[in-house]
Amino acid sequence: MSRARSDDVEVVWAGKYDAQGNRREATPRPVDLVDLHGPSGCSPANELVWGDNLDVLAAWQARFAGAVDLVYIDPPFCTNASFDVIHREADGASLRAPAYSDRHVGGLGGFLAMLAPRLRALHRLL
């Protein structure tokens, strides 16, 4: 596959393309199984894993492709806002601390570039 057109949004990293400009095949990073609930190997719903969800989905392809009936996702919403958590002390005082930021490099295009491969991977499991 060749590079994207100049008007497309694209996430680029070192090593994504070879010297001729062809996209290299991505290799999944290791995924760590943290905990297992219920009978082993029956479904990914019983696994608690640590890793990028894109890598987890790639690791599950061999075992669960076409075998998943339902997927629920709760992605960020690209609100371009930062959110705080408020902790109330016993004396009535409040402490505000950053919780997370829903900002994406590249704005909406960057958000969609992050989300699209994850949706494709989810679709392959269904």
C-alpha atoms as a PDB file:
ATOM      1  CA  MET A   1       0.000   0.000   0.000  1.00  0.00           C
ATOM      2  CA  SER A   2       1.368   3.412  -0.837  1.00  0.00           C
ATOM      3  CA  ARG A   3       1.349   6.551   1.253  1.00  0.00           C
ATOM      4  CA  ALA A   4      -1.895   8.447   1.800  1.00  0.00           C
ATOM      5  CA  ARG A   5      -2.829  11.374  -0.432  1.00  0.00           C
ATOM      6  CA  SER A   6      -1.764  14.780   0.823  1.00  0.00           C
ATOM      7  CA  ASP A   7      -5.343  15.726   1.779  1.00  0.00           C
ATOM      8  CA  ASP A   8      -5.891  12.547   3.866  1.00  0.00           C
ATOM      9  CA  VAL A   9      -5.351  12.378   7.621  1.00  0.00           C
ATOM     10  CA  GLU A  10      -2.725   9.814   8.572  1.00  0.00           C
ATOM     11  CA  VAL A  11      -0.885   8.755  11.703  1.00  0.00           C
ATOM     12  CA  VAL A  12       2.788   8.181  10.827  1.00  0.00           C
ATOM     13  CA  TRP A  13       5.549   6.651  12.949  1.00  0.00           C
ATOM     14  CA  ALA A  14       9.145   5.662  12.346  1.00  0.00           C
ATOM     15  CA  GLY A  15       9.218   2.370  10.440  1.00  0.00           C
ATOM     16  CA  LYS A  16       5.645   2.521   9.145  1.00  0.00           C
ATOM     17  CA  TYR A  17       6.937   2.618   5.549  1.00  0.00           C
ATOM     18  CA  ASP A  18       9.915   0.880   3.977  1.00  0.00           C
ATOM     19  CA  ALA A  19      12.543   2.693   1.878  1.00  0.00           C
ATOM     20  CA  GLN A  20      10.350   2.367  -1.251  1.00  0.00           C
ATOM     21  CA  GLY A  21       7.363   4.017   0.454  1.00  0.00           C
ATOM     22  CA  ASN A  22       5.376   0.792   0.925  1.00  0.00           C
ATOM     23  CA  ARG A  23       3.577   0.280   4.204  1.00  0.00           C
ATOM     24  CA  ARG A  24       5.102  -2.413   6.385  1.00  0.00           C
ATOM     25  CA  GLU A  25       2.923  -5.072   7.975  1.00  0.00           C
ATOM     26  CA  ALA A  26       2.169  -4.188  11.594  1.00  0.00           C
ATOM     27  CA  THR A  27       3.148  -6.746  14.205  1.00  0.00           C
ATOM     28  CA  PRO A  28       1.171  -6.867  17.440  1.00  0.00           C
ATOM     29  CA  ARG A  29       2.983  -6.109  20.667  1.00  0.00           C
ATOM     30  CA  PRO A  30       2.736  -8.592  23.556  1.00  0.00           C
ATOM     31  CA  VAL A  31      -0.449  -8.606  25.589  1.00  0.00           C
ATOM     32  CA  ASP A  32      -0.360  -9.641  29.243  1.00  0.00           C
ATOM     33  CA  LEU A  33      -3.185 -11.757  30.643  1.00  0.00           C
ATOM     34  CA  VAL A  34      -3.818 -10.252  34.069  1.00  0.00           C
ATOM     35  CA  ASP A  35      -6.670 -12.414  35.324  1.00  0.00           C
ATOM     36  CA  LEU A  36      -8.974 -15.147  34.074  1.00  0.00           C
ATOM     37  CA  HIS A  37     -12.553 -15.687  35.269  1.00  0.00           C
ATOM     38  CA  GLY A  38     -14.705 -18.726  34.658  1.00  0.00           C
ATOM     39  CA  PRO A  39     -13.732 -21.698  32.473  1.00  0.00           C
ATOM     40  CA  SER A  40     -10.456 -21.135  30.641  1.00  0.00           C
ATOM     41  CA  GLY A  41     -10.527 -20.417  26.933  1.00  0.00           C
ATOM     42  CA  CYS A  42     -14.288 -20.062  26.649  1.00  0.00           C
ATOM     43  CA  SER A  43     -14.398 -16.411  25.574  1.00  0.00           C
ATOM     44  CA  PRO A  44     -12.502 -13.137  25.724  1.00  0.00           C
ATOM     45  CA  ALA A  45     -15.241 -11.827  28.047  1.00  0.00           C
ATOM     46  CA  ASN A  46     -13.596 -13.812  30.832  1.00  0.00           C
ATOM     47  CA  GLU A  47     -10.139 -12.316  30.321  1.00  0.00           C
ATOM     48  CA  LEU A  48      -8.718  -9.216  31.922  1.00  0.00           C
ATOM     49  CA  VAL A  49      -5.765  -8.093  29.804  1.00  0.00           C
ATOM     50  CA  TRP A  50      -3.229  -5.287  29.955  1.00  0.00           C
ATOM     51  CA  GLY A  51      -2.197  -3.660  26.701  1.00  0.00           C
ATOM     52  CA  ASP A  52      -3.302  -1.403  23.899  1.00  0.00           C
ATOM     53  CA  ASN A  53      -6.770  -2.512  22.830  1.00  0.00           C
ATOM     54  CA  LEU A  54      -5.626  -2.683  19.210  1.00  0.00           C
ATOM     55  CA  ASP A  55      -2.953  -5.209  20.192  1.00  0.00           C
ATOM     56  CA  VAL A  56      -5.454  -7.172  22.280  1.00  0.00           C
ATOM     57  CA  LEU A  57      -7.872  -7.353  19.351  1.00  0.00           C
ATOM     58  CA  ALA A  58      -5.055  -8.577  17.088  1.00  0.00           C
ATOM     59  CA  ALA A  59      -4.108 -11.252  19.646  1.00  0.00           C
ATOM     60  CA  TRP A  60      -7.721 -12.440  19.819  1.00  0.00           C
ATOM     61  CA  GLN A  61      -8.117 -12.800  16.035  1.00  0.00           C
ATOM     62  CA  ALA A  62      -6.761 -16.361  15.872  1.00  0.00           C
ATOM     63  CA  ARG A  63      -9.031 -17.589  18.684  1.00  0.00           C
ATOM     64  CA  PHE A  64     -12.220 -15.590  18.252  1.00  0.00           C
ATOM     65  CA  ALA A  65     -12.527 -14.300  14.646  1.00  0.00           C
ATOM     66  CA  GLY A  66     -16.155 -14.534  13.604  1.00  0.00           C
ATOM     67  CA  ALA A  67     -17.206 -15.983  16.967  1.00  0.00           C
ATOM     68  CA  VAL A  68     -18.136 -12.841  18.909  1.00  0.00           C
ATOM     69  CA  ASP A  69     -21.844 -11.980  19.084  1.00  0.00           C
ATOM     70  CA  LEU A  70     -21.763  -8.557  20.698  1.00  0.00           C
ATOM     71  CA  VAL A  71     -19.220  -5.803  21.230  1.00  0.00           C
ATOM     72  CA  TYR A  72     -19.626  -2.850  23.567  1.00  0.00           C
ATOM     73  CA  ILE A  73     -17.162   0.004  23.349  1.00  0.00           C
ATOM     74  CA  ASP A  74     -16.915   3.238  25.277  1.00  0.00           C
ATOM     75  CA  PRO A  75     -14.407   5.313  23.322  1.00  0.00           C
ATOM     76  CA  PRO A  76     -13.501   8.895  24.107  1.00  0.00           C
ATOM     77  CA  PHE A  77     -15.743  11.399  22.347  1.00  0.00           C
ATOM     78  CA  CYS A  78     -13.191  13.919  21.074  1.00  0.00           C
ATOM     79  CA  THR A  79     -14.735  16.736  23.114  1.00  0.00           C
ATOM     80  CA  ASN A  80     -11.421  18.637  23.107  1.00  0.00           C
ATOM     81  CA  ALA A  81     -11.890  19.174  26.849  1.00  0.00           C
ATOM     82  CA  SER A  82     -10.015  18.243  29.998  1.00  0.00           C
ATOM     83  CA  PHE A  83     -11.892  16.719  32.918  1.00  0.00           C
ATOM     84  CA  ASP A  84     -11.207  16.956  36.627  1.00  0.00           C
ATOM     85  CA  VAL A  85     -12.151  14.841  39.611  1.00  0.00           C
ATOM     86  CA  ILE A  86     -13.320  16.597  42.760  1.00  0.00           C
ATOM     87  CA  HIS A  87     -12.496  15.068  46.107  1.00  0.00           C
ATOM     88  CA  ARG A  88     -14.464  16.377  49.075  1.00  0.00           C
ATOM     89  CA  GLU A  89     -12.681  16.410  52.401  1.00  0.00           C
ATOM     90  CA  ALA A  90     -14.440  15.662  55.701  1.00  0.00           C
ATOM     91  CA  ASP A  91     -14.119  19.327  56.684  1.00  0.00           C
ATOM     92  CA  GLY A  92     -16.070  20.364  53.571  1.00  0.00           C
ATOM     93  CA  ALA A  93     -13.050  21.487  51.555  1.00  0.00           C
ATOM     94  CA  SER A  94     -12.816  20.387  47.927  1.00  0.00           C
ATOM     95  CA  LEU A  95      -9.721  19.338  46.054  1.00  0.00           C
ATOM     96  CA  ARG A  96      -9.766  19.367  42.261  1.00  0.00           C
ATOM     97  CA  ALA A  97      -7.294  17.240  40.306  1.00  0.00           C
ATOM     98  CA  PRO A  98      -6.957  16.420  36.588  1.00  0.00           C
ATOM     99  CA  ALA A  99      -8.680  13.135  35.710  1.00  0.00           C
ATOM    100  CA  TYR A 100      -8.145  12.839  31.951  1.00  0.00           C
ATOM    101  CA  SER A 101      -7.932  14.815  28.775  1.00  0.00           C
ATOM    102  CA  ASP A 102     -10.175  14.121  25.798  1.00  0.00           C
ATOM    103  CA  ARG A 103      -7.920  15.947  23.351  1.00  0.00           C
ATOM    104  CA  HIS A 104      -6.416  14.216  20.345  1.00  0.00           C
ATOM    105  CA  VAL A 105      -3.363  15.091  18.317  1.00  0.00           C
ATOM    106  CA  GLY A 106      -4.714  16.173  14.968  1.00  0.00           C
ATOM    107  CA  GLY A 107      -8.179  17.011  16.344  1.00  0.00           C
ATOM    108  CA  LEU A 108     -11.101  15.111  14.866  1.00  0.00           C
ATOM    109  CA  GLY A 109      -8.923  13.629  12.104  1.00  0.00           C
ATOM    110  CA  GLY A 110      -6.497  12.259  14.693  1.00  0.00           C
ATOM    111  CA  PHE A 111      -9.388  10.854  16.707  1.00  0.00           C
ATOM    112  CA  LEU A 112     -10.841   9.095  13.672  1.00  0.00           C
ATOM    113  CA  ALA A 113      -7.392   7.773  12.689  1.00  0.00           C
ATOM    114  CA  MET A 114      -7.118   6.230  16.184  1.00  0.00           C
ATOM    115  CA  LEU A 115     -10.654   4.822  16.173  1.00  0.00           C
ATOM    116  CA  ALA A 116     -10.897   3.401  12.620  1.00  0.00           C
ATOM    117  CA  PRO A 117      -8.452   0.465  12.931  1.00  0.00           C
ATOM    118  CA  ARG A 118     -10.029  -0.517  16.249  1.00  0.00           C
ATOM    119  CA  LEU A 119     -13.485  -0.622  14.684  1.00  0.00           C
ATOM    120  CA  ARG A 120     -12.160  -2.720  11.784  1.00  0.00           C
ATOM    121  CA  ALA A 121     -10.562  -5.162  14.263  1.00  0.00           C
ATOM    122  CA  LEU A 122     -13.797  -5.384  16.249  1.00  0.00           C
ATOM    123  CA  HIS A 123     -15.734  -6.045  13.056  1.00  0.00           C
ATOM    124  CA  ARG A 124     -13.443  -8.996  12.223  1.00  0.00           C
ATOM    125  CA  LEU A 125     -14.293 -10.574  15.602  1.00  0.00           C
ATOM    126  CA  LEU A 126     -18.040 -10.377  14.926  1.00  0.00           C
END
